[in-house]
């Protein structure tokens, strides 16, 4: 039972709370050097608590959602192995356990800040609406999920008392909208290959429609990143270093395409599974993260980028 309860929490999906971190990562370089050491430990602590709070809250809804969808999940080739669908935990226990997790996550959020608790409460309401019927409405279901991830980015900014960037929200929203459609394509492809009779709750039964949605959202992800990197907003925060962010776009394109390819093959939709199983994705993400930190934090990066991009201009960091 304890191991099944842990599986019900889906700890492998806590990686999704990485979207809480961008506010911290992108805020530090804009701080004066002398102020960083003073605020860094407090920011890291508050961000870690918020990640824990959102993990508990999300796990609570995973548990409740699995209880509500147990009958349908038993028809899916992968979802039928979940603890409730497999009959190792009763739906009633799943709902009660989920309620405890939700309450714990909400309380932890209010410990950090009232604004953080407010966003978590909004996420709670959104999830109630989602489980109450929005998850059965095509397109709306994916938009609601992407909005939940934008809330993660928002709560990350509130945790360190920084303003919320609309650029950050846009990038996170469209990336997670794309990943939501990736999940639906994976589910559809896997179910058709296994021929178990499973159908999408929202009615995603047309691969052409999903391919169109994936193409639209995937292109938007790339455009959001490029436009942000070249925006006056990024330049005002990072100077010439912002141009280096634009040079990371090929890694964004590669990763977007590899997720699309996996989805059409019906492979697992978990981001962690994709990173473990697809070497191209893991290498691209590693190079993207390394390049991101080099552009924002590496001493001398501003001078190097100035020489590469504006060799005839006097560039200051």
C-alpha atoms as a PDB file:
ATOM      1  CA  UNK A   1       0.000   0.000   0.000  1.00  0.00           C
ATOM      2  CA  UNK A   2       2.660   2.665   0.828  1.00  0.00           C
ATOM      3  CA  UNK A   3       4.437   2.030  -2.463  1.00  0.00           C
ATOM      4  CA  UNK A   4       1.146   2.211  -4.368  1.00  0.00           C
ATOM      5  CA  UNK A   5       0.297   5.498  -2.648  1.00  0.00           C
ATOM      6  CA  UNK A   6       3.672   6.850  -3.727  1.00  0.00           C
ATOM      7  CA  UNK A   7       2.963   5.725  -7.295  1.00  0.00           C
ATOM      8  CA  UNK A   8      -0.422   7.408  -7.079  1.00  0.00           C
ATOM      9  CA  UNK A   9       1.399  10.688  -6.358  1.00  0.00           C
ATOM     10  CA  UNK A  10       3.381  10.276  -9.625  1.00  0.00           C
ATOM     11  CA  UNK A  11       6.675  11.651  -8.271  1.00  0.00           C
ATOM     12  CA  UNK A  12       8.148  11.265 -11.764  1.00  0.00           C
ATOM     13  CA  UNK A  13       5.833  14.097 -12.840  1.00  0.00           C
ATOM     14  CA  UNK A  14       7.160  16.505 -10.223  1.00  0.00           C
ATOM     15  CA  UNK A  15       9.732  17.443 -12.840  1.00  0.00           C
ATOM     16  CA  UNK A  16       6.926  19.540 -14.371  1.00  0.00           C
ATOM     17  CA  UNK A  17       7.422  21.988 -11.516  1.00  0.00           C
ATOM     18  CA  UNK A  18      10.655  23.041 -13.189  1.00  0.00           C
ATOM     19  CA  UNK A  19       8.464  25.801 -14.634  1.00  0.00           C
ATOM     20  CA  UNK A  20       8.545  27.425 -11.193  1.00  0.00           C
ATOM     21  CA  UNK A  21      12.298  28.033 -11.568  1.00  0.00           C
ATOM     22  CA  UNK A  22      12.596  30.407 -14.581  1.00  0.00           C
ATOM     23  CA  UNK A  23      11.711  33.464 -12.478  1.00  0.00           C
ATOM     24  CA  UNK A  24      14.671  32.700 -10.208  1.00  0.00           C
ATOM     25  CA  UNK A  25      17.057  31.837 -13.048  1.00  0.00           C
ATOM     26  CA  UNK A  26      16.258  34.955 -15.086  1.00  0.00           C
ATOM     27  CA  UNK A  27      16.033  37.350 -12.123  1.00  0.00           C
ATOM     28  CA  UNK A  28      19.486  36.768 -10.633  1.00  0.00           C
ATOM     29  CA  UNK A  29      21.565  38.198 -13.517  1.00  0.00           C
ATOM     30  CA  UNK A  30      19.618  41.468 -13.337  1.00  0.00           C
ATOM     31  CA  UNK A  31      20.523  41.959  -9.668  1.00  0.00           C
ATOM     32  CA  UNK A  32      23.537  44.055  -8.707  1.00  0.00           C
ATOM     33  CA  UNK A  33      26.518  41.829  -7.913  1.00  0.00           C
ATOM     34  CA  UNK A  34      26.734  43.021  -4.311  1.00  0.00           C
ATOM     35  CA  UNK A  35      23.069  42.134  -3.649  1.00  0.00           C
ATOM     36  CA  UNK A  36      23.115  38.581  -4.992  1.00  0.00           C
ATOM     37  CA  UNK A  37      24.722  36.861  -2.022  1.00  0.00           C
ATOM     38  CA  UNK A  38      22.321  38.577   0.359  1.00  0.00           C
ATOM     39  CA  UNK A  39      19.110  37.457  -1.326  1.00  0.00           C
ATOM     40  CA  UNK A  40      20.167  34.198  -3.000  1.00  0.00           C
ATOM     41  CA  UNK A  41      19.713  31.868  -0.011  1.00  0.00           C
ATOM     42  CA  UNK A  42      16.283  33.336   0.840  1.00  0.00           C
ATOM     43  CA  UNK A  43      15.152  33.068  -2.786  1.00  0.00           C
ATOM     44  CA  UNK A  44      16.325  29.458  -3.078  1.00  0.00           C
ATOM     45  CA  UNK A  45      14.601  28.456   0.172  1.00  0.00           C
ATOM     46  CA  UNK A  46      11.277  30.087  -0.749  1.00  0.00           C
ATOM     47  CA  UNK A  47      11.409  28.616  -4.260  1.00  0.00           C
ATOM     48  CA  UNK A  48      12.104  25.119  -2.868  1.00  0.00           C
ATOM     49  CA  UNK A  49       9.113  25.379  -0.514  1.00  0.00           C
ATOM     50  CA  UNK A  50       6.878  26.509  -3.377  1.00  0.00           C
ATOM     51  CA  UNK A  51       8.065  23.577  -5.525  1.00  0.00           C
ATOM     52  CA  UNK A  52       7.154  21.221  -2.678  1.00  0.00           C
ATOM     53  CA  UNK A  53       3.748  22.877  -2.240  1.00  0.00           C
ATOM     54  CA  UNK A  54       2.900  22.646  -5.939  1.00  0.00           C
ATOM     55  CA  UNK A  55       4.131  19.027  -6.049  1.00  0.00           C
ATOM     56  CA  UNK A  56       1.774  18.064  -3.230  1.00  0.00           C
ATOM     57  CA  UNK A  57      -1.116  19.973  -4.795  1.00  0.00           C
ATOM     58  CA  UNK A  58      -0.581  18.405  -8.226  1.00  0.00           C
ATOM     59  CA  UNK A  59      -0.176  14.920  -6.726  1.00  0.00           C
ATOM     60  CA  UNK A  60      -3.466  15.366  -4.908  1.00  0.00           C
ATOM     61  CA  UNK A  61      -5.257  16.002  -8.161  1.00  0.00           C
ATOM     62  CA  UNK A  62      -3.438  13.122  -9.890  1.00  0.00           C
ATOM     63  CA  UNK A  63      -4.854  10.858  -7.188  1.00  0.00           C
ATOM     64  CA  UNK A  64      -8.382  12.257  -7.469  1.00  0.00           C
ATOM     65  CA  UNK A  65      -8.259  12.193 -11.266  1.00  0.00           C
ATOM     66  CA  UNK A  66      -7.125   8.545 -11.306  1.00  0.00           C
ATOM     67  CA  UNK A  67     -10.043   7.663  -9.012  1.00  0.00           C
ATOM     68  CA  UNK A  68     -12.532   9.369 -11.317  1.00  0.00           C
ATOM     69  CA  UNK A  69     -11.071   7.852 -14.503  1.00  0.00           C
ATOM     70  CA  UNK A  70     -10.377   4.325 -13.215  1.00  0.00           C
ATOM     71  CA  UNK A  71     -12.888   2.579 -15.491  1.00  0.00           C
ATOM     72  CA  UNK A  72     -11.638   4.307 -18.635  1.00  0.00           C
ATOM     73  CA  UNK A  73      -7.980   3.843 -17.643  1.00  0.00           C
ATOM     74  CA  UNK A  74      -8.469   0.061 -17.465  1.00  0.00           C
ATOM     75  CA  UNK A  75      -8.900   0.070 -21.244  1.00  0.00           C
ATOM     76  CA  UNK A  76      -5.629   1.924 -21.907  1.00  0.00           C
ATOM     77  CA  UNK A  77      -2.471  -0.176 -22.498  1.00  0.00           C
ATOM     78  CA  UNK A  78      -0.332   1.876 -20.083  1.00  0.00           C
ATOM     79  CA  UNK A  79      -2.828   3.591 -17.759  1.00  0.00           C
ATOM     80  CA  UNK A  80      -4.381   0.263 -16.724  1.00  0.00           C
ATOM     81  CA  UNK A  81      -1.295  -0.375 -14.574  1.00  0.00           C
ATOM     82  CA  UNK A  82      -1.970   2.646 -12.346  1.00  0.00           C
ATOM     83  CA  UNK A  83      -2.751   1.617  -8.727  1.00  0.00           C
ATOM     84  CA  UNK A  84      -6.467   2.471  -8.783  1.00  0.00           C
ATOM     85  CA  UNK A  85      -7.139   1.159 -12.301  1.00  0.00           C
ATOM     86  CA  UNK A  86      -5.290  -2.058 -11.393  1.00  0.00           C
ATOM     87  CA  UNK A  87      -7.453  -2.496  -8.285  1.00  0.00           C
ATOM     88  CA  UNK A  88      -4.666  -2.199  -5.704  1.00  0.00           C
ATOM     89  CA  UNK A  89      -6.196   0.991  -4.234  1.00  0.00           C
ATOM     90  CA  UNK A  90      -9.927   1.736  -4.057  1.00  0.00           C
ATOM     91  CA  UNK A  91     -11.276   4.917  -5.691  1.00  0.00           C
ATOM     92  CA  UNK A  92     -12.522   6.098  -2.291  1.00  0.00           C
ATOM     93  CA  UNK A  93      -9.032   5.816  -0.815  1.00  0.00           C
ATOM     94  CA  UNK A  94      -7.630   7.664  -3.826  1.00  0.00           C
ATOM     95  CA  UNK A  95     -10.037  10.568  -3.351  1.00  0.00           C
ATOM     96  CA  UNK A  96      -9.340  10.827   0.398  1.00  0.00           C
ATOM     97  CA  UNK A  97      -5.589  10.620  -0.100  1.00  0.00           C
ATOM     98  CA  UNK A  98      -5.783  13.259  -2.816  1.00  0.00           C
ATOM     99  CA  UNK A  99      -7.739  15.576  -0.514  1.00  0.00           C
ATOM    100  CA  UNK A 100      -5.049  15.328   2.169  1.00  0.00           C
ATOM    101  CA  UNK A 101      -2.311  16.150  -0.364  1.00  0.00           C
ATOM    102  CA  UNK A 102      -4.242  19.131  -1.719  1.00  0.00           C
ATOM    103  CA  UNK A 103      -4.760  20.553   1.781  1.00  0.00           C
ATOM    104  CA  UNK A 104      -1.071  20.082   2.649  1.00  0.00           C
ATOM    105  CA  UNK A 105       0.113  21.792  -0.535  1.00  0.00           C
ATOM    106  CA  UNK A 106      -2.277  24.707  -0.098  1.00  0.00           C
ATOM    107  CA  UNK A 107      -1.243  25.254   3.510  1.00  0.00           C
ATOM    108  CA  UNK A 108       2.453  25.172   2.609  1.00  0.00           C
ATOM    109  CA  UNK A 109       1.894  27.812  -0.062  1.00  0.00           C
ATOM    110  CA  UNK A 110       0.299  30.241   2.382  1.00  0.00           C
ATOM    111  CA  UNK A 111       3.289  29.762   4.700  1.00  0.00           C
ATOM    112  CA  UNK A 112       5.527  31.302   2.016  1.00  0.00           C
ATOM    113  CA  UNK A 113       3.312  34.231   1.054  1.00  0.00           C
ATOM    114  CA  UNK A 114      -0.361  35.151   0.727  1.00  0.00           C
ATOM    115  CA  UNK A 115       0.104  35.810  -2.993  1.00  0.00           C
ATOM    116  CA  UNK A 116       1.600  32.328  -3.429  1.00  0.00           C
ATOM    117  CA  UNK A 117      -1.324  30.825  -1.527  1.00  0.00           C
ATOM    118  CA  UNK A 118      -3.718  32.820  -3.693  1.00  0.00           C
ATOM    119  CA  UNK A 119      -2.238  31.423  -6.904  1.00  0.00           C
ATOM    120  CA  UNK A 120      -2.365  27.904  -5.481  1.00  0.00           C
ATOM    121  CA  UNK A 121      -6.017  28.460  -4.591  1.00  0.00           C
ATOM    122  CA  UNK A 122      -6.664  29.591  -8.161  1.00  0.00           C
ATOM    123  CA  UNK A 123      -4.917  26.431  -9.386  1.00  0.00           C
ATOM    124  CA  UNK A 124      -7.159  24.381  -7.105  1.00  0.00           C
ATOM    125  CA  UNK A 125     -10.282  25.977  -8.599  1.00  0.00           C
ATOM    126  CA  UNK A 126      -8.929  25.426 -12.120  1.00  0.00           C
ATOM    127  CA  UNK A 127      -8.317  21.735 -11.392  1.00  0.00           C
ATOM    128  CA  UNK A 128     -11.805  21.309  -9.937  1.00  0.00           C
ATOM    129  CA  UNK A 129     -13.258  22.764 -13.140  1.00  0.00           C
ATOM    130  CA  UNK A 130     -10.943  20.590 -15.225  1.00  0.00           C
ATOM    131  CA  UNK A 131     -11.919  17.364 -13.447  1.00  0.00           C
ATOM    132  CA  UNK A 132     -15.538  18.492 -13.330  1.00  0.00           C
ATOM    133  CA  UNK A 133     -15.897  18.531 -17.095  1.00  0.00           C
ATOM    134  CA  UNK A 134     -13.374  20.740 -18.922  1.00  0.00           C
ATOM    135  CA  UNK A 135     -11.062  17.767 -19.510  1.00  0.00           C
ATOM    136  CA  UNK A 136     -13.752  16.345 -21.784  1.00  0.00           C
ATOM    137  CA  UNK A 137     -13.815  19.403 -24.073  1.00  0.00           C
ATOM    138  CA  UNK A 138     -11.258  19.209 -26.884  1.00  0.00           C
ATOM    139  CA  UNK A 139      -8.751  22.099 -27.062  1.00  0.00           C
ATOM    140  CA  UNK A 140     -10.181  23.603 -23.853  1.00  0.00           C
ATOM    141  CA  UNK A 141      -8.631  20.740 -21.873  1.00  0.00           C
ATOM    142  CA  UNK A 142      -5.144  21.502 -23.244  1.00  0.00           C
ATOM    143  CA  UNK A 143      -5.557  25.257 -22.702  1.00  0.00           C
ATOM    144  CA  UNK A 144      -6.530  24.638 -19.055  1.00  0.00           C
ATOM    145  CA  UNK A 145      -3.454  22.455 -18.526  1.00  0.00           C
ATOM    146  CA  UNK A 146      -1.182  25.083 -20.101  1.00  0.00           C
ATOM    147  CA  UNK A 147      -2.773  27.746 -17.896  1.00  0.00           C
ATOM    148  CA  UNK A 148      -1.879  25.610 -14.881  1.00  0.00           C
ATOM    149  CA  UNK A 149       1.769  25.663 -15.935  1.00  0.00           C
ATOM    150  CA  UNK A 150       1.642  29.426 -16.456  1.00  0.00           C
ATOM    151  CA  UNK A 151       0.434  29.579 -12.847  1.00  0.00           C
ATOM    152  CA  UNK A 152       3.576  27.678 -11.855  1.00  0.00           C
ATOM    153  CA  UNK A 153       5.691  30.349 -13.528  1.00  0.00           C
ATOM    154  CA  UNK A 154       3.635  33.035 -11.787  1.00  0.00           C
ATOM    155  CA  UNK A 155       4.010  31.490  -8.349  1.00  0.00           C
ATOM    156  CA  UNK A 156       7.769  31.218  -8.926  1.00  0.00           C
ATOM    157  CA  UNK A 157       7.931  34.990  -9.389  1.00  0.00           C
ATOM    158  CA  UNK A 158       5.697  35.660  -6.392  1.00  0.00           C
ATOM    159  CA  UNK A 159       7.866  33.409  -4.211  1.00  0.00           C
ATOM    160  CA  UNK A 160      10.854  35.717  -4.692  1.00  0.00           C
ATOM    161  CA  UNK A 161       8.779  38.903  -4.808  1.00  0.00           C
ATOM    162  CA  UNK A 162       9.575  39.710  -8.441  1.00  0.00           C
ATOM    163  CA  UNK A 163       7.226  41.056 -11.145  1.00  0.00           C
ATOM    164  CA  UNK A 164       5.717  38.501 -13.499  1.00  0.00           C
ATOM    165  CA  UNK A 165       7.002  38.811 -17.068  1.00  0.00           C
ATOM    166  CA  UNK A 166       4.405  38.419 -19.803  1.00  0.00           C
ATOM    167  CA  UNK A 167       7.189  37.008 -21.972  1.00  0.00           C
ATOM    168  CA  UNK A 168       7.807  34.293 -19.399  1.00  0.00           C
ATOM    169  CA  UNK A 169       4.108  33.471 -19.202  1.00  0.00           C
ATOM    170  CA  UNK A 170       3.826  33.341 -22.993  1.00  0.00           C
ATOM    171  CA  UNK A 171       6.802  31.017 -23.434  1.00  0.00           C
ATOM    172  CA  UNK A 172       5.638  28.676 -20.662  1.00  0.00           C
ATOM    173  CA  UNK A 173       2.013  28.663 -21.840  1.00  0.00           C
ATOM    174  CA  UNK A 174       2.750  27.762 -25.464  1.00  0.00           C
ATOM    175  CA  UNK A 175       5.440  25.217 -24.565  1.00  0.00           C
ATOM    176  CA  UNK A 176       3.121  23.358 -22.208  1.00  0.00           C
ATOM    177  CA  UNK A 177       0.216  23.664 -24.653  1.00  0.00           C
ATOM    178  CA  UNK A 178       2.446  21.884 -27.157  1.00  0.00           C
ATOM    179  CA  UNK A 179       3.331  19.196 -24.580  1.00  0.00           C
ATOM    180  CA  UNK A 180      -0.367  18.732 -23.783  1.00  0.00           C
ATOM    181  CA  UNK A 181      -1.070  17.938 -27.436  1.00  0.00           C
ATOM    182  CA  UNK A 182       2.007  15.667 -27.444  1.00  0.00           C
ATOM    183  CA  UNK A 183       0.434  13.660 -24.606  1.00  0.00           C
ATOM    184  CA  UNK A 184      -2.843  13.341 -26.491  1.00  0.00           C
ATOM    185  CA  UNK A 185      -1.078  12.135 -29.627  1.00  0.00           C
ATOM    186  CA  UNK A 186       0.914   9.584 -27.569  1.00  0.00           C
ATOM    187  CA  UNK A 187      -2.280   8.311 -25.937  1.00  0.00           C
ATOM    188  CA  UNK A 188      -4.073   7.995 -29.273  1.00  0.00           C
ATOM    189  CA  UNK A 189      -1.179   6.279 -31.059  1.00  0.00           C
ATOM    190  CA  UNK A 190      -0.589   3.821 -28.192  1.00  0.00           C
ATOM    191  CA  UNK A 191      -4.292   2.963 -27.874  1.00  0.00           C
ATOM    192  CA  UNK A 192      -4.664   2.321 -31.603  1.00  0.00           C
ATOM    193  CA  UNK A 193      -1.568   0.132 -31.655  1.00  0.00           C
ATOM    194  CA  UNK A 194      -2.883  -1.957 -28.735  1.00  0.00           C
ATOM    195  CA  UNK A 195      -6.507  -1.921 -30.035  1.00  0.00           C
ATOM    196  CA  UNK A 196      -8.003  -2.025 -26.537  1.00  0.00           C
ATOM    197  CA  UNK A 197     -11.068   0.105 -27.227  1.00  0.00           C
ATOM    198  CA  UNK A 198      -9.818   3.081 -25.217  1.00  0.00           C
ATOM    199  CA  UNK A 199     -11.066   6.476 -26.408  1.00  0.00           C
ATOM    200  CA  UNK A 200      -9.909   9.965 -25.504  1.00  0.00           C
ATOM    201  CA  UNK A 201     -12.142  11.656 -22.873  1.00  0.00           C
ATOM    202  CA  UNK A 202     -12.060  14.867 -24.945  1.00  0.00           C
ATOM    203  CA  UNK A 203     -12.653  13.097 -28.253  1.00  0.00           C
ATOM    204  CA  UNK A 204      -9.200  13.352 -29.820  1.00  0.00           C
ATOM    205  CA  UNK A 205      -9.638  10.632 -32.418  1.00  0.00           C
ATOM    206  CA  UNK A 206      -8.259  12.311 -35.540  1.00  0.00           C
ATOM    207  CA  UNK A 207      -4.490  12.203 -36.026  1.00  0.00           C
ATOM    208  CA  UNK A 208      -4.684  14.873 -38.725  1.00  0.00           C
ATOM    209  CA  UNK A 209      -6.304  17.295 -36.294  1.00  0.00           C
ATOM    210  CA  UNK A 210      -3.692  16.558 -33.629  1.00  0.00           C
ATOM    211  CA  UNK A 211      -0.877  16.957 -36.164  1.00  0.00           C
ATOM    212  CA  UNK A 212      -2.249  20.378 -37.076  1.00  0.00           C
ATOM    213  CA  UNK A 213      -2.492  21.377 -33.410  1.00  0.00           C
ATOM    214  CA  UNK A 214       1.039  20.143 -32.784  1.00  0.00           C
ATOM    215  CA  UNK A 215       2.380  22.032 -35.790  1.00  0.00           C
ATOM    216  CA  UNK A 216       0.638  25.246 -34.731  1.00  0.00           C
ATOM    217  CA  UNK A 217       1.739  25.096 -31.091  1.00  0.00           C
ATOM    218  CA  UNK A 218       5.247  23.834 -31.918  1.00  0.00           C
ATOM    219  CA  UNK A 219       5.956  26.729 -34.277  1.00  0.00           C
ATOM    220  CA  UNK A 220       4.590  29.158 -31.680  1.00  0.00           C
ATOM    221  CA  UNK A 221       7.008  27.767 -29.077  1.00  0.00           C
ATOM    222  CA  UNK A 222       9.993  28.472 -31.319  1.00  0.00           C
ATOM    223  CA  UNK A 223       8.721  31.939 -32.253  1.00  0.00           C
ATOM    224  CA  UNK A 224       8.098  32.853 -28.604  1.00  0.00           C
ATOM    225  CA  UNK A 225      11.661  31.961 -27.683  1.00  0.00           C
ATOM    226  CA  UNK A 226      13.215  33.862 -30.593  1.00  0.00           C
ATOM    227  CA  UNK A 227      11.038  36.946 -30.097  1.00  0.00           C
ATOM    228  CA  UNK A 228      11.792  36.994 -26.369  1.00  0.00           C
ATOM    229  CA  UNK A 229      15.544  36.656 -26.896  1.00  0.00           C
ATOM    230  CA  UNK A 230      15.520  39.555 -29.388  1.00  0.00           C
ATOM    231  CA  UNK A 231      13.035  41.706 -27.478  1.00  0.00           C
ATOM    232  CA  UNK A 232      13.851  45.102 -25.914  1.00  0.00           C
ATOM    233  CA  UNK A 233      12.672  43.605 -22.606  1.00  0.00           C
ATOM    234  CA  UNK A 234      15.416  40.951 -22.635  1.00  0.00           C
ATOM    235  CA  UNK A 235      17.984  43.496 -23.809  1.00  0.00           C
ATOM    236  CA  UNK A 236      17.085  45.819 -20.917  1.00  0.00           C
ATOM    237  CA  UNK A 237      17.684  42.987 -18.437  1.00  0.00           C
ATOM    238  CA  UNK A 238      20.711  41.223 -19.895  1.00  0.00           C
ATOM    239  CA  UNK A 239      22.255  43.571 -22.457  1.00  0.00           C
ATOM    240  CA  UNK A 240      24.213  41.807 -25.197  1.00  0.00           C
ATOM    241  CA  UNK A 241      23.818  38.526 -23.321  1.00  0.00           C
ATOM    242  CA  UNK A 242      20.199  38.388 -24.546  1.00  0.00           C
ATOM    243  CA  UNK A 243      21.438  37.943 -28.118  1.00  0.00           C
ATOM    244  CA  UNK A 244      23.191  34.791 -26.993  1.00  0.00           C
ATOM    245  CA  UNK A 245      19.820  33.353 -25.987  1.00  0.00           C
ATOM    246  CA  UNK A 246      18.697  33.620 -29.606  1.00  0.00           C
ATOM    247  CA  UNK A 247      21.689  31.510 -30.651  1.00  0.00           C
ATOM    248  CA  UNK A 248      20.213  28.623 -28.636  1.00  0.00           C
ATOM    249  CA  UNK A 249      17.172  28.391 -30.939  1.00  0.00           C
ATOM    250  CA  UNK A 250      18.459  25.328 -32.885  1.00  0.00           C
ATOM    251  CA  UNK A 251      18.306  23.283 -29.673  1.00  0.00           C
ATOM    252  CA  UNK A 252      14.693  24.408 -29.192  1.00  0.00           C
ATOM    253  CA  UNK A 253      13.818  23.320 -32.744  1.00  0.00           C
ATOM    254  CA  UNK A 254      15.501  19.922 -32.327  1.00  0.00           C
ATOM    255  CA  UNK A 255      13.764  19.197 -29.030  1.00  0.00           C
ATOM    256  CA  UNK A 256      10.342  20.267 -30.331  1.00  0.00           C
ATOM    257  CA  UNK A 257      10.717  17.986 -33.344  1.00  0.00           C
ATOM    258  CA  UNK A 258      11.918  14.970 -31.349  1.00  0.00           C
ATOM    259  CA  UNK A 259       8.922  15.170 -29.008  1.00  0.00           C
ATOM    260  CA  UNK A 260       6.661  15.336 -32.080  1.00  0.00           C
ATOM    261  CA  UNK A 261       8.361  12.291 -33.575  1.00  0.00           C
ATOM    262  CA  UNK A 262       7.975  10.286 -30.359  1.00  0.00           C
ATOM    263  CA  UNK A 263       4.298  11.189 -30.154  1.00  0.00           C
ATOM    264  CA  UNK A 264       3.579   9.920 -33.663  1.00  0.00           C
ATOM    265  CA  UNK A 265       5.312   6.653 -32.828  1.00  0.00           C
ATOM    266  CA  UNK A 266       3.126   6.243 -29.726  1.00  0.00           C
ATOM    267  CA  UNK A 267       6.065   6.287 -27.314  1.00  0.00           C
ATOM    268  CA  UNK A 268       5.761   7.401 -23.689  1.00  0.00           C
ATOM    269  CA  UNK A 269       4.750  11.015 -23.197  1.00  0.00           C
ATOM    270  CA  UNK A 270       6.573  11.571 -19.894  1.00  0.00           C
ATOM    271  CA  UNK A 271       9.271  14.262 -20.261  1.00  0.00           C
ATOM    272  CA  UNK A 272      11.597  12.210 -18.045  1.00  0.00           C
ATOM    273  CA  UNK A 273      11.023   9.128 -20.199  1.00  0.00           C
ATOM    274  CA  UNK A 274      11.790  11.164 -23.310  1.00  0.00           C
ATOM    275  CA  UNK A 275      15.027  12.459 -21.794  1.00  0.00           C
ATOM    276  CA  UNK A 276      16.081   8.959 -20.726  1.00  0.00           C
ATOM    277  CA  UNK A 277      15.101   7.178 -23.922  1.00  0.00           C
ATOM    278  CA  UNK A 278      15.917   9.732 -26.627  1.00  0.00           C
ATOM    279  CA  UNK A 279      19.595  10.633 -26.726  1.00  0.00           C
ATOM    280  CA  UNK A 280      18.999  13.499 -29.143  1.00  0.00           C
ATOM    281  CA  UNK A 281      16.544  15.137 -26.701  1.00  0.00           C
ATOM    282  CA  UNK A 282      18.853  14.653 -23.718  1.00  0.00           C
ATOM    283  CA  UNK A 283      21.885  16.089 -25.532  1.00  0.00           C
ATOM    284  CA  UNK A 284      19.899  19.027 -26.972  1.00  0.00           C
ATOM    285  CA  UNK A 285      18.434  19.908 -23.570  1.00  0.00           C
ATOM    286  CA  UNK A 286      21.831  19.605 -21.894  1.00  0.00           C
ATOM    287  CA  UNK A 287      23.415  21.929 -24.463  1.00  0.00           C
ATOM    288  CA  UNK A 288      20.494  24.362 -24.189  1.00  0.00           C
ATOM    289  CA  UNK A 289      20.754  24.551 -20.394  1.00  0.00           C
ATOM    290  CA  UNK A 290      24.550  24.863 -20.533  1.00  0.00           C
ATOM    291  CA  UNK A 291      24.267  27.630 -23.137  1.00  0.00           C
ATOM    292  CA  UNK A 292      21.579  29.413 -21.132  1.00  0.00           C
ATOM    293  CA  UNK A 293      23.693  29.536 -17.977  1.00  0.00           C
ATOM    294  CA  UNK A 294      26.779  30.496 -19.973  1.00  0.00           C
ATOM    295  CA  UNK A 295      24.963  33.414 -21.600  1.00  0.00           C
ATOM    296  CA  UNK A 296      23.487  34.671 -18.337  1.00  0.00           C
ATOM    297  CA  UNK A 297      26.217  33.928 -15.799  1.00  0.00           C
ATOM    298  CA  UNK A 298      29.588  33.166 -17.414  1.00  0.00           C
ATOM    299  CA  UNK A 299      32.127  35.965 -16.810  1.00  0.00           C
ATOM    300  CA  UNK A 300      33.257  37.386 -20.122  1.00  0.00           C
ATOM    301  CA  UNK A 301      30.199  36.103 -22.022  1.00  0.00           C
ATOM    302  CA  UNK A 302      29.048  39.652 -22.778  1.00  0.00           C
ATOM    303  CA  UNK A 303      32.417  40.598 -24.261  1.00  0.00           C
ATOM    304  CA  UNK A 304      32.582  37.402 -26.341  1.00  0.00           C
ATOM    305  CA  UNK A 305      29.056  37.854 -27.689  1.00  0.00           C
ATOM    306  CA  UNK A 306      29.823  41.484 -28.492  1.00  0.00           C
ATOM    307  CA  UNK A 307      32.838  40.445 -30.552  1.00  0.00           C
ATOM    308  CA  UNK A 308      30.808  37.775 -32.381  1.00  0.00           C
ATOM    309  CA  UNK A 309      27.606  39.714 -33.064  1.00  0.00           C
ATOM    310  CA  UNK A 310      28.678  43.397 -33.100  1.00  0.00           C
ATOM    311  CA  UNK A 311      32.419  43.316 -33.821  1.00  0.00           C
ATOM    312  CA  UNK A 312      32.537  46.973 -34.920  1.00  0.00           C
ATOM    313  CA  UNK A 313      30.560  48.408 -32.029  1.00  0.00           C
ATOM    314  CA  UNK A 314      31.586  49.295 -28.506  1.00  0.00           C
ATOM    315  CA  UNK A 315      29.655  46.849 -26.364  1.00  0.00           C
ATOM    316  CA  UNK A 316      29.313  47.087 -22.622  1.00  0.00           C
ATOM    317  CA  UNK A 317      28.140  44.127 -20.501  1.00  0.00           C
END
